[in-house]
């Protein structure tokens, strides 16, 4: 049976399939690369956000946001 298959010619449609298969493989590889790059970027962003979020930041100021600062010259003269 295999010997009879060896002797037969290749159908015309199969000789042109190589280009489509290679294009499909290229698309799959590009998608996999994009997925890995996006995952890496998300991990870096999450790590940076977590590290900066756990820092605690600066303590809250005791004076109101729109009030005159305690160290302002006019406040020191009025005191």
N, C-alpha and C. Protein backbone atom coordinates (compact mmCIF):
# COMPACT_ATOMS: atom_id res chain seq x y z
N UNK A 1 0.82 -1.18 0.00
CA UNK A 1 0.00 0.00 0.00
C UNK A 1 0.88 1.26 0.00
N UNK A 2 1.91 1.31 0.84
CA UNK A 2 2.81 2.46 0.87
C UNK A 2 3.59 2.60 -0.43
N UNK A 3 3.95 1.48 -1.01
CA UNK A 3 4.67 1.53 -2.27
C UNK A 3 3.81 2.14 -3.36
N UNK A 4 2.52 1.83 -3.35
CA UNK A 4 1.62 2.40 -4.37
C UNK A 4 1.44 3.90 -4.16
N UNK A 5 1.43 4.36 -2.92
CA UNK A 5 1.33 5.79 -2.63
C UNK A 5 2.59 6.54 -3.06
N UNK A 6 3.74 5.87 -2.90
CA UNK A 6 5.01 6.49 -3.29
C UNK A 6 5.07 6.74 -4.78
N UNK A 7 4.49 5.87 -5.53
CA UNK A 7 4.54 5.98 -6.97
C UNK A 7 3.55 7.00 -7.53
N UNK A 8 2.55 7.39 -6.77
CA UNK A 8 1.56 8.34 -7.27
C UNK A 8 2.12 9.76 -7.26
N UNK A 9 1.58 10.61 -8.11
CA UNK A 9 2.02 12.00 -8.15
C UNK A 9 1.28 12.81 -7.09
N UNK A 10 1.88 13.92 -6.74
CA UNK A 10 1.30 14.80 -5.72
C UNK A 10 0.18 15.61 -6.37
N UNK A 11 -0.99 15.68 -5.73
CA UNK A 11 -2.07 16.49 -6.29
C UNK A 11 -1.65 17.96 -6.41
N UNK A 12 -2.18 18.66 -7.36
CA UNK A 12 -1.77 20.04 -7.66
C UNK A 12 -2.05 20.98 -6.49
N UNK A 13 -3.11 20.80 -5.77
CA UNK A 13 -3.45 21.69 -4.65
C UNK A 13 -2.47 21.60 -3.50
N UNK A 14 -1.86 20.46 -3.29
CA UNK A 14 -0.95 20.29 -2.17
C UNK A 14 0.39 20.99 -2.39
N UNK A 15 0.79 21.19 -3.62
CA UNK A 15 2.07 21.84 -3.87
C UNK A 15 2.02 23.33 -3.55
N UNK A 16 0.83 23.92 -3.47
CA UNK A 16 0.68 25.34 -3.19
C UNK A 16 0.30 25.61 -1.73
N UNK A 17 0.23 24.58 -0.94
CA UNK A 17 -0.21 24.75 0.45
C UNK A 17 0.91 25.26 1.36
N UNK A 18 2.16 25.15 0.93
CA UNK A 18 3.29 25.54 1.77
C UNK A 18 3.21 27.01 2.20
N UNK A 19 2.88 27.89 1.29
CA UNK A 19 2.80 29.32 1.62
C UNK A 19 1.76 29.61 2.68
N UNK A 20 0.60 28.99 2.56
CA UNK A 20 -0.47 29.22 3.54
C UNK A 20 -0.10 28.68 4.91
N UNK A 21 0.56 27.53 4.93
CA UNK A 21 0.98 26.94 6.21
C UNK A 21 2.03 27.82 6.88
N UNK A 22 2.99 28.30 6.13
CA UNK A 22 4.04 29.15 6.69
C UNK A 22 3.46 30.49 7.18
N UNK A 23 2.51 31.05 6.44
CA UNK A 23 1.85 32.28 6.88
C UNK A 23 1.09 32.06 8.18
N UNK A 24 0.43 30.92 8.27
CA UNK A 24 -0.31 30.58 9.50
C UNK A 24 0.62 30.41 10.69
N UNK A 25 1.77 29.77 10.47
CA UNK A 25 2.74 29.61 11.55
C UNK A 25 3.30 30.95 11.99
N UNK A 26 3.54 31.84 11.04
CA UNK A 26 4.04 33.18 11.38
C UNK A 26 3.03 33.94 12.22
N UNK A 27 1.75 33.83 11.88
CA UNK A 27 0.70 34.51 12.63
C UNK A 27 0.61 33.96 14.05
N UNK A 28 0.71 32.66 14.19
CA UNK A 28 0.64 32.05 15.53
C UNK A 28 1.83 32.49 16.38
N UNK A 29 3.01 32.56 15.78
CA UNK A 29 4.20 32.99 16.52
C UNK A 29 4.09 34.46 16.92
N UNK A 30 3.54 35.30 16.05
CA UNK A 30 3.36 36.72 16.39
C UNK A 30 2.36 36.89 17.52
N UNK A 31 1.30 36.10 17.51
CA UNK A 31 0.30 36.18 18.58
C UNK A 31 0.90 35.73 19.91
N UNK A 32 1.70 34.68 19.88
CA UNK A 32 2.33 34.19 21.11
C UNK A 32 3.32 35.23 21.66
N UNK A 33 4.09 35.88 20.78
CA UNK A 33 5.03 36.91 21.21
C UNK A 33 4.28 38.09 21.82
N UNK A 34 3.20 38.50 21.18
CA UNK A 34 2.41 39.62 21.70
C UNK A 34 1.82 39.29 23.06
N UNK A 35 1.34 38.08 23.22
CA UNK A 35 0.75 37.66 24.49
C UNK A 35 1.81 37.66 25.60
N UNK A 36 3.01 37.17 25.29
CA UNK A 36 4.08 37.16 26.29
C UNK A 36 4.51 38.58 26.65
N UNK A 37 4.60 39.45 25.66
CA UNK A 37 4.99 40.84 25.92
C UNK A 37 3.95 41.55 26.78
N UNK A 38 2.68 41.32 26.50
CA UNK A 38 1.61 41.93 27.29
C UNK A 38 1.61 41.40 28.72
N UNK A 39 1.86 40.13 28.89
CA UNK A 39 1.93 39.53 30.23
C UNK A 39 3.11 40.11 31.00
N UNK A 40 4.25 40.25 30.35
CA UNK A 40 5.42 40.82 31.01
C UNK A 40 5.16 42.27 31.42
N UNK A 41 4.55 43.06 30.55
CA UNK A 41 4.24 44.46 30.87
C UNK A 41 3.26 44.55 32.04
N UNK A 42 2.27 43.67 32.07
CA UNK A 42 1.31 43.66 33.17
C UNK A 42 1.98 43.28 34.49
N UNK A 43 2.89 42.32 34.46
CA UNK A 43 3.60 41.92 35.68
C UNK A 43 4.49 43.05 36.20
N UNK A 44 5.17 43.74 35.28
CA UNK A 44 6.02 44.86 35.70
C UNK A 44 5.17 45.98 36.30
N UNK A 45 4.05 46.30 35.65
CA UNK A 45 3.18 47.36 36.14
C UNK A 45 2.58 46.98 37.51
N UNK A 46 2.17 45.75 37.67
CA UNK A 46 1.60 45.31 38.94
C UNK A 46 2.66 45.33 40.05
N UNK A 47 3.87 44.91 39.73
CA UNK A 47 4.94 44.93 40.73
C UNK A 47 5.29 46.35 41.16
N UNK A 48 5.38 47.25 40.18
CA UNK A 48 5.69 48.64 40.51
C UNK A 48 4.57 49.28 41.32
N UNK A 49 3.34 49.02 40.94
CA UNK A 49 2.20 49.56 41.68
C UNK A 49 2.13 49.03 43.09
N UNK A 50 2.39 47.75 43.24
CA UNK A 50 2.37 47.15 44.58
C UNK A 50 3.50 47.70 45.43
N UNK A 51 4.69 47.82 44.86
CA UNK A 51 5.83 48.32 45.62
C UNK A 51 5.62 49.77 46.05
N UNK A 52 5.10 50.59 45.15
CA UNK A 52 4.87 51.98 45.49
C UNK A 52 3.66 52.16 46.40
N UNK A 53 2.70 51.28 46.30
CA UNK A 53 1.51 51.36 47.15
C UNK A 53 1.78 50.93 48.58
N UNK A 54 2.68 49.99 48.76
CA UNK A 54 2.99 49.50 50.10
C UNK A 54 3.93 50.44 50.85
N UNK A 55 4.55 51.37 50.15
CA UNK A 55 5.49 52.31 50.75
C UNK A 55 4.81 53.16 51.81
N UNK A 56 3.57 53.50 51.61
CA UNK A 56 2.85 54.29 52.60
C UNK A 56 2.84 55.77 52.27
N UNK A 57 3.80 56.24 51.52
CA UNK A 57 3.83 57.63 51.11
C UNK A 57 4.16 58.55 52.27
N UNK A 58 3.98 59.84 52.03
CA UNK A 58 4.28 60.83 53.07
C UNK A 58 3.09 60.94 54.03
N UNK A 59 3.35 61.30 55.27
CA UNK A 59 2.24 61.44 56.22
C UNK A 59 1.35 62.62 55.83
N UNK A 60 0.12 62.55 56.23
CA UNK A 60 -0.83 63.61 55.90
C UNK A 60 -0.45 64.90 56.62
N UNK A 61 -0.63 66.02 55.94
CA UNK A 61 -0.30 67.31 56.54
C UNK A 61 -1.38 67.68 57.56
N UNK A 62 -0.97 68.35 58.63
CA UNK A 62 -1.90 68.71 59.69
C UNK A 62 -2.71 69.95 59.33
N UNK A 63 -2.24 70.75 58.38
CA UNK A 63 -2.95 71.98 58.03
C UNK A 63 -3.83 71.74 56.81
N UNK A 64 -4.91 72.48 56.69
CA UNK A 64 -5.80 72.31 55.54
C UNK A 64 -5.10 72.68 54.24
N UNK A 65 -5.64 72.20 53.16
CA UNK A 65 -5.02 72.38 51.85
C UNK A 65 -5.00 73.84 51.41
N UNK A 66 -6.07 74.59 51.64
CA UNK A 66 -6.16 75.96 51.17
C UNK A 66 -5.84 76.99 52.25
N UNK A 67 -5.46 76.58 53.43
CA UNK A 67 -5.16 77.52 54.52
C UNK A 67 -3.76 78.08 54.36
N UNK A 68 -3.48 79.13 55.09
CA UNK A 68 -2.17 79.75 55.08
C UNK A 68 -1.19 78.82 55.80
N UNK A 69 -0.06 78.53 55.19
CA UNK A 69 0.91 77.65 55.84
C UNK A 69 1.43 78.27 57.15
N UNK A 70 1.75 77.40 58.08
CA UNK A 70 2.24 77.85 59.38
C UNK A 70 3.58 78.57 59.23
N UNK A 71 4.35 78.21 58.26
CA UNK A 71 5.67 78.82 58.08
C UNK A 71 5.65 80.08 57.21
N UNK A 72 4.48 80.53 56.79
CA UNK A 72 4.40 81.75 55.97
C UNK A 72 4.79 82.97 56.81
N UNK A 73 5.51 83.95 56.24
CA UNK A 73 5.95 85.10 56.98
C UNK A 73 4.77 85.89 57.61
N UNK A 74 3.68 86.04 56.91
CA UNK A 74 2.55 86.79 57.44
C UNK A 74 1.92 86.06 58.64
N UNK A 75 1.95 84.78 58.62
CA UNK A 75 1.40 84.01 59.75
C UNK A 75 2.31 84.13 60.97
N UNK A 76 3.61 84.15 60.74
CA UNK A 76 4.56 84.28 61.84
C UNK A 76 4.48 85.66 62.50
N UNK A 77 4.23 86.69 61.70
CA UNK A 77 4.11 88.04 62.23
C UNK A 77 2.82 88.25 63.01
N UNK A 78 1.76 87.52 62.60
CA UNK A 78 0.46 87.66 63.28
C UNK A 78 0.43 86.89 64.58
N UNK A 79 1.28 85.92 64.73
CA UNK A 79 1.23 85.01 65.85
C UNK A 79 1.67 85.60 67.09
